[in-house]
């Protein structure tokens, strides 16, 4: 982006905020273009408070955003960590006061990950386990009233099987991956026999921290009632075993339920992550996303 187009882009965001009664300090504007569904800007508004501006990239994200807003209103009072408090919600803009803490993971200009919390930290693991236990304890019937997706255990497995078939029909998928994914879906012992309210994408970039303790959780677009491993798989895959044990200890003490093959189930679910990108590429029709998905679904043999 050239300096002139960047200036015009900033001016458009400032005008958009003003149309929603937010007077922005132009010098404070920081934009990230990394989100798949929203552009995000951090600004300082009249009075000095910092706000988050979320600008939808496509019309199809708006229906999901409305559901997300209803869910946030319902769960906010039930959690000890902060979640976004949408004070502006229109077809063109979502805005809310900046949450406390700093991201545990960011991306540098070259898209390399910048870790701000050690994944071996027992403090981070404990506070994350406590939060996930609180979330998974929220009544699923109440959560359903917000309009989020709801899947019983058998439906969850059936959806995975359908997603595998859909991606396999649309992409050249490595046979070893297809065999692994289908074996995982078919094996009863991997799977829990209950569903909970899940965030769906709990990983360090969506957690804010003060020091090493989780203070807030962002981006609830993928929230659904379903498999609890959705919220455990990333930490299981990137943290040392002893750190994950700390997380599970606090999760169970907070009321979370586990089953014998939870760890293996998390491993297999994480290994199936390329499916999600393949589905996203099909949904958007974007050729760049399709090319990136193809690279994940059929990686070169080492």
Protein backbone atom coordinates (compact mmCIF):
# COMPACT_ATOMS: atom_id res chain seq x y z
CA UNK A 1 0.00 0.00 0.00
CA UNK A 2 1.41 3.40 -1.00
CA UNK A 3 1.48 6.35 1.37
CA UNK A 4 -1.38 8.05 -0.51
CA UNK A 5 -3.64 4.98 -0.51
CA UNK A 6 -2.84 4.34 3.15
CA UNK A 7 -3.83 7.93 3.98
CA UNK A 8 -7.11 7.53 2.08
CA UNK A 9 -7.75 4.23 3.84
CA UNK A 10 -7.17 5.82 7.24
CA UNK A 11 -9.45 8.71 6.34
CA UNK A 12 -12.24 6.31 5.36
CA UNK A 13 -11.98 4.48 8.70
CA UNK A 14 -12.04 7.78 10.60
CA UNK A 15 -15.16 8.84 8.65
CA UNK A 16 -16.80 5.48 9.33
CA UNK A 17 -16.16 5.87 13.06
CA UNK A 18 -17.53 9.43 13.02
CA UNK A 19 -20.73 8.20 11.38
CA UNK A 20 -21.16 6.03 14.48
CA UNK A 21 -20.49 8.93 16.90
CA UNK A 22 -16.89 7.95 17.59
CA UNK A 23 -14.41 10.82 17.27
CA UNK A 24 -11.02 9.25 16.56
CA UNK A 25 -7.56 10.71 17.10
CA UNK A 26 -6.04 10.19 13.61
CA UNK A 27 -2.53 9.84 15.02
CA UNK A 28 -3.61 6.88 17.15
CA UNK A 29 -4.94 4.70 14.31
CA UNK A 30 -3.34 1.25 14.04
CA UNK A 31 -4.70 -1.21 11.46
CA UNK A 32 -4.28 -4.96 11.10
CA UNK A 33 -5.28 -6.71 7.88
CA UNK A 34 -4.60 -10.22 9.17
CA UNK A 35 -8.15 -11.25 10.04
CA UNK A 36 -10.00 -13.43 7.55
CA UNK A 37 -13.46 -11.99 8.23
CA UNK A 38 -12.81 -8.51 9.65
CA UNK A 39 -10.29 -5.73 9.36
CA UNK A 40 -9.36 -4.50 12.83
CA UNK A 41 -8.19 -1.06 13.91
CA UNK A 42 -7.12 0.12 17.36
CA UNK A 43 -7.87 3.81 17.95
CA UNK A 44 -8.00 6.40 20.70
CA UNK A 45 -11.34 8.18 20.86
CA UNK A 46 -12.36 11.55 22.26
CA UNK A 47 -11.70 11.37 26.00
CA UNK A 48 -8.58 9.22 25.62
CA UNK A 49 -10.08 5.73 25.81
CA UNK A 50 -8.76 3.14 23.36
CA UNK A 51 -11.30 1.27 21.24
CA UNK A 52 -11.34 -1.65 18.82
CA UNK A 53 -12.99 -1.16 15.42
CA UNK A 54 -13.99 -4.31 13.48
CA UNK A 55 -14.89 -3.70 9.83
CA UNK A 56 -16.50 -6.65 7.98
CA UNK A 57 -14.71 -7.75 4.83
CA UNK A 58 -17.74 -9.46 3.27
CA UNK A 59 -21.54 -9.31 3.70
CA UNK A 60 -21.73 -13.01 4.62
CA UNK A 61 -19.98 -12.41 7.97
CA UNK A 62 -22.76 -10.13 9.23
CA UNK A 63 -25.25 -12.86 10.14
CA UNK A 64 -22.60 -14.69 12.16
CA UNK A 65 -21.64 -11.39 13.79
CA UNK A 66 -25.21 -10.83 14.99
CA UNK A 67 -25.16 -14.26 16.63
CA UNK A 68 -21.76 -13.53 18.15
CA UNK A 69 -23.10 -10.31 19.66
CA UNK A 70 -26.01 -12.10 21.33
CA UNK A 71 -23.65 -14.74 22.72
CA UNK A 72 -21.26 -12.16 24.16
CA UNK A 73 -24.12 -10.44 25.97
CA UNK A 74 -25.12 -13.77 27.50
CA UNK A 75 -21.71 -15.09 28.56
CA UNK A 76 -20.01 -11.86 29.67
CA UNK A 77 -21.50 -11.84 33.19
CA UNK A 78 -20.72 -15.56 33.64
CA UNK A 79 -16.94 -15.36 33.06
CA UNK A 80 -14.13 -13.95 35.20
CA UNK A 81 -12.13 -12.95 32.10
CA UNK A 82 -13.26 -10.05 29.94
CA UNK A 83 -14.96 -10.48 26.57
CA UNK A 84 -15.83 -7.77 24.03
CA UNK A 85 -18.65 -5.42 25.04
CA UNK A 86 -20.06 -4.30 21.69
CA UNK A 87 -21.24 -0.72 22.07
CA UNK A 88 -21.52 -0.19 18.32
CA UNK A 89 -22.98 -2.88 16.06
CA UNK A 90 -24.08 -1.99 12.55
CA UNK A 91 -23.74 -3.61 9.10
CA UNK A 92 -20.58 -1.56 8.54
CA UNK A 93 -18.88 -1.46 11.93
CA UNK A 94 -18.54 -3.25 15.26
CA UNK A 95 -16.77 -1.27 17.98
CA UNK A 96 -16.02 -1.70 21.66
CA UNK A 97 -13.60 -0.47 24.35
CA UNK A 98 -10.22 -2.17 24.22
CA UNK A 99 -10.01 -5.13 26.59
CA UNK A 100 -7.39 -5.38 29.36
CA UNK A 101 -4.09 -7.06 28.62
CA UNK A 102 -1.80 -7.68 25.66
CA UNK A 103 -2.00 -10.46 23.03
CA UNK A 104 -0.10 -13.61 23.94
CA UNK A 105 0.80 -14.02 20.25
CA UNK A 106 1.14 -11.51 17.42
CA UNK A 107 2.50 -11.61 13.87
CA UNK A 108 5.44 -9.52 12.69
CA UNK A 109 5.39 -7.61 9.40
CA UNK A 110 6.82 -10.68 7.65
CA UNK A 111 4.02 -12.81 9.24
CA UNK A 112 6.43 -14.63 11.54
CA UNK A 113 4.90 -15.44 14.96
CA UNK A 114 5.93 -13.28 17.91
CA UNK A 115 5.29 -15.13 21.18
CA UNK A 116 4.72 -12.95 24.23
CA UNK A 117 4.00 -15.77 26.67
CA UNK A 118 6.02 -18.93 27.21
CA UNK A 119 3.78 -21.90 26.37
CA UNK A 120 5.48 -23.76 29.23
CA UNK A 121 4.21 -21.17 31.73
CA UNK A 122 2.21 -22.82 34.53
CA UNK A 123 0.50 -19.47 35.23
CA UNK A 124 -0.77 -19.15 31.67
CA UNK A 125 -1.80 -22.82 31.58
CA UNK A 126 -3.64 -22.60 34.91
CA UNK A 127 -5.56 -19.44 34.06
CA UNK A 128 -6.46 -20.79 30.63
CA UNK A 129 -7.73 -24.02 32.17
CA UNK A 130 -9.84 -22.07 34.66
CA UNK A 131 -11.38 -19.97 31.89
CA UNK A 132 -12.17 -22.96 29.66
CA UNK A 133 -13.80 -24.75 32.61
CA UNK A 134 -16.05 -21.74 33.22
CA UNK A 135 -16.99 -21.56 29.55
CA UNK A 136 -17.71 -25.28 29.27
CA UNK A 137 -19.92 -25.11 32.37
CA UNK A 138 -22.36 -22.60 30.83
CA UNK A 139 -25.77 -24.10 30.18
CA UNK A 140 -25.90 -25.32 26.58
CA UNK A 141 -29.65 -24.81 26.24
CA UNK A 142 -29.26 -21.16 27.20
CA UNK A 143 -26.41 -20.85 24.72
CA UNK A 144 -28.61 -22.25 21.95
CA UNK A 145 -31.07 -19.37 22.39
CA UNK A 146 -28.43 -17.00 20.95
CA UNK A 147 -28.57 -18.80 17.61
CA UNK A 148 -25.13 -20.43 17.65
CA UNK A 149 -24.63 -23.81 16.01
CA UNK A 150 -25.42 -26.79 18.22
CA UNK A 151 -24.13 -30.31 17.60
CA UNK A 152 -24.68 -33.42 19.66
CA UNK A 153 -21.71 -35.85 19.69
CA UNK A 154 -23.00 -38.01 16.82
CA UNK A 155 -23.74 -34.89 14.77
CA UNK A 156 -20.22 -33.59 15.40
CA UNK A 157 -18.66 -36.74 13.97
CA UNK A 158 -21.06 -36.75 11.03
CA UNK A 159 -20.11 -33.14 10.27
CA UNK A 160 -16.41 -33.99 10.30
CA UNK A 161 -17.08 -36.86 7.87
CA UNK A 162 -19.06 -34.56 5.56
CA UNK A 163 -16.33 -31.91 5.69
CA UNK A 164 -13.67 -34.49 4.79
CA UNK A 165 -15.71 -35.64 1.79
CA UNK A 166 -16.43 -32.09 0.64
CA UNK A 167 -12.78 -31.05 0.78
CA UNK A 168 -11.65 -34.31 -0.84
CA UNK A 169 -14.06 -33.66 -3.73
CA UNK A 170 -12.77 -30.13 -4.27
CA UNK A 171 -9.02 -30.52 -3.68
CA UNK A 172 -6.21 -32.96 -4.33
CA UNK A 173 -5.72 -34.20 -0.75
CA UNK A 174 -2.77 -36.36 0.25
CA UNK A 175 -4.01 -39.97 0.62
CA UNK A 176 -2.20 -40.37 3.95
CA UNK A 177 -4.11 -37.40 5.38
CA UNK A 178 -7.46 -38.71 4.17
CA UNK A 179 -6.75 -42.13 5.63
CA UNK A 180 -5.74 -40.63 8.98
CA UNK A 181 -8.76 -38.33 9.21
CA UNK A 182 -11.27 -41.02 8.28
CA UNK A 183 -9.76 -43.49 10.75
CA UNK A 184 -10.04 -40.87 13.50
CA UNK A 185 -13.70 -40.14 12.75
CA UNK A 186 -14.53 -43.86 12.63
CA UNK A 187 -12.92 -44.79 15.97
CA UNK A 188 -15.47 -44.47 18.81
CA UNK A 189 -12.92 -44.39 21.63
CA UNK A 190 -11.48 -41.02 20.60
CA UNK A 191 -14.73 -39.12 20.97
CA UNK A 192 -16.53 -37.58 23.99
CA UNK A 193 -20.15 -38.53 24.62
CA UNK A 194 -21.22 -34.99 25.58
CA UNK A 195 -21.22 -31.47 24.14
CA UNK A 196 -20.37 -28.11 25.73
CA UNK A 197 -20.34 -24.44 24.80
CA UNK A 198 -17.02 -23.85 23.03
CA UNK A 199 -15.14 -20.81 21.75
CA UNK A 200 -13.76 -22.81 18.83
CA UNK A 201 -10.44 -21.05 18.27
CA UNK A 202 -8.72 -20.70 21.62
CA UNK A 203 -5.07 -20.05 20.90
CA UNK A 204 -2.63 -17.39 22.14
CA UNK A 205 -3.53 -14.73 19.54
CA UNK A 206 -7.09 -14.75 20.89
CA UNK A 207 -6.06 -14.47 24.53
CA UNK A 208 -4.94 -11.25 26.22
CA UNK A 209 -2.64 -11.49 29.20
CA UNK A 210 -1.35 -9.42 32.08
CA UNK A 211 2.07 -10.90 32.64
CA UNK A 212 1.27 -14.56 32.04
CA UNK A 213 -2.31 -14.64 33.32
CA UNK A 214 -5.25 -14.60 30.88
CA UNK A 215 -7.32 -11.43 31.29
CA UNK A 216 -9.55 -11.46 28.19
CA UNK A 217 -10.55 -13.63 25.23
CA UNK A 218 -11.25 -12.28 21.74
CA UNK A 219 -12.99 -13.30 18.51
CA UNK A 220 -16.02 -15.44 19.31
CA UNK A 221 -17.17 -15.87 15.70
CA UNK A 222 -16.62 -19.65 15.77
CA UNK A 223 -18.40 -20.29 19.09
CA UNK A 224 -20.71 -23.32 19.05
CA UNK A 225 -22.07 -26.07 21.24
CA UNK A 226 -20.00 -29.11 20.39
CA UNK A 227 -16.83 -31.07 21.10
CA UNK A 228 -14.89 -29.73 24.14
CA UNK A 229 -11.60 -30.66 22.45
CA UNK A 230 -12.09 -27.70 20.10
CA UNK A 231 -10.88 -25.50 22.97
CA UNK A 232 -8.07 -27.78 24.14
CA UNK A 233 -6.42 -29.00 20.94
CA UNK A 234 -4.11 -26.06 20.27
CA UNK A 235 -2.67 -25.90 23.76
CA UNK A 236 -2.22 -29.68 23.77
CA UNK A 237 -0.26 -29.42 20.52
CA UNK A 238 2.02 -26.45 21.28
CA UNK A 239 2.70 -26.65 25.01
CA UNK A 240 4.95 -29.14 26.83
CA UNK A 241 3.10 -32.12 28.34
CA UNK A 242 3.62 -30.86 31.89
CA UNK A 243 2.05 -27.48 31.00
CA UNK A 244 -0.96 -29.19 29.45
CA UNK A 245 -1.31 -31.27 32.61
CA UNK A 246 -1.46 -28.04 34.62
CA UNK A 247 -4.20 -26.79 32.29
CA UNK A 248 -6.18 -30.03 32.67
CA UNK A 249 -5.77 -30.01 36.45
CA UNK A 250 -7.31 -26.55 36.71
CA UNK A 251 -9.88 -27.41 34.06
CA UNK A 252 -11.08 -30.45 36.03
CA UNK A 253 -11.00 -28.59 39.35
CA UNK A 254 -13.19 -25.95 37.72
CA UNK A 255 -15.76 -28.52 36.63
CA UNK A 256 -14.42 -29.57 33.22
CA UNK A 257 -14.97 -33.16 32.11
CA UNK A 258 -12.30 -35.36 30.52
CA UNK A 259 -12.27 -38.83 28.96
CA UNK A 260 -9.56 -41.50 28.47
CA UNK A 261 -8.37 -40.57 24.96
CA UNK A 262 -8.72 -36.79 25.23
CA UNK A 263 -5.03 -36.17 24.49
CA UNK A 264 -4.99 -38.41 21.42
CA UNK A 265 -8.25 -36.87 20.25
CA UNK A 266 -6.69 -33.39 20.49
CA UNK A 267 -3.70 -34.60 18.46
CA UNK A 268 -5.93 -35.94 15.68
CA UNK A 269 -8.17 -32.87 15.65
CA UNK A 270 -5.15 -30.58 15.34
CA UNK A 271 -3.81 -32.74 12.50
CA UNK A 272 -7.13 -32.16 10.69
CA UNK A 273 -6.71 -28.35 10.81
CA UNK A 274 -6.09 -28.07 7.03
CA UNK A 275 -9.71 -29.10 6.50
CA UNK A 276 -10.87 -25.84 8.04
CA UNK A 277 -8.76 -23.78 5.68
CA UNK A 278 -10.00 -25.81 2.73
CA UNK A 279 -13.60 -25.12 3.71
CA UNK A 280 -12.82 -21.42 4.13
CA UNK A 281 -11.26 -21.28 0.66
CA UNK A 282 -14.38 -22.88 -0.81
CA UNK A 283 -16.64 -20.47 1.09
CA UNK A 284 -14.83 -17.34 -0.05
CA UNK A 285 -13.86 -18.47 -3.55
CA UNK A 286 -10.62 -16.54 -3.15
CA UNK A 287 -7.87 -18.00 -5.40
CA UNK A 288 -5.09 -17.02 -2.98
CA UNK A 289 -6.79 -18.85 -0.13
CA UNK A 290 -7.39 -21.83 -2.40
CA UNK A 291 -3.71 -22.00 -3.33
CA UNK A 292 -2.69 -21.80 0.34
CA UNK A 293 -5.22 -24.49 1.28
CA UNK A 294 -3.94 -26.78 -1.47
CA UNK A 295 -0.42 -26.50 -0.06
CA UNK A 296 -1.66 -27.64 3.36
CA UNK A 297 -3.91 -30.40 2.06
CA UNK A 298 -1.29 -31.95 -0.19
CA UNK A 299 2.11 -30.99 1.21
CA UNK A 300 5.27 -32.12 -0.59
CA UNK A 301 6.66 -35.40 0.64
CA UNK A 302 9.82 -35.07 2.69
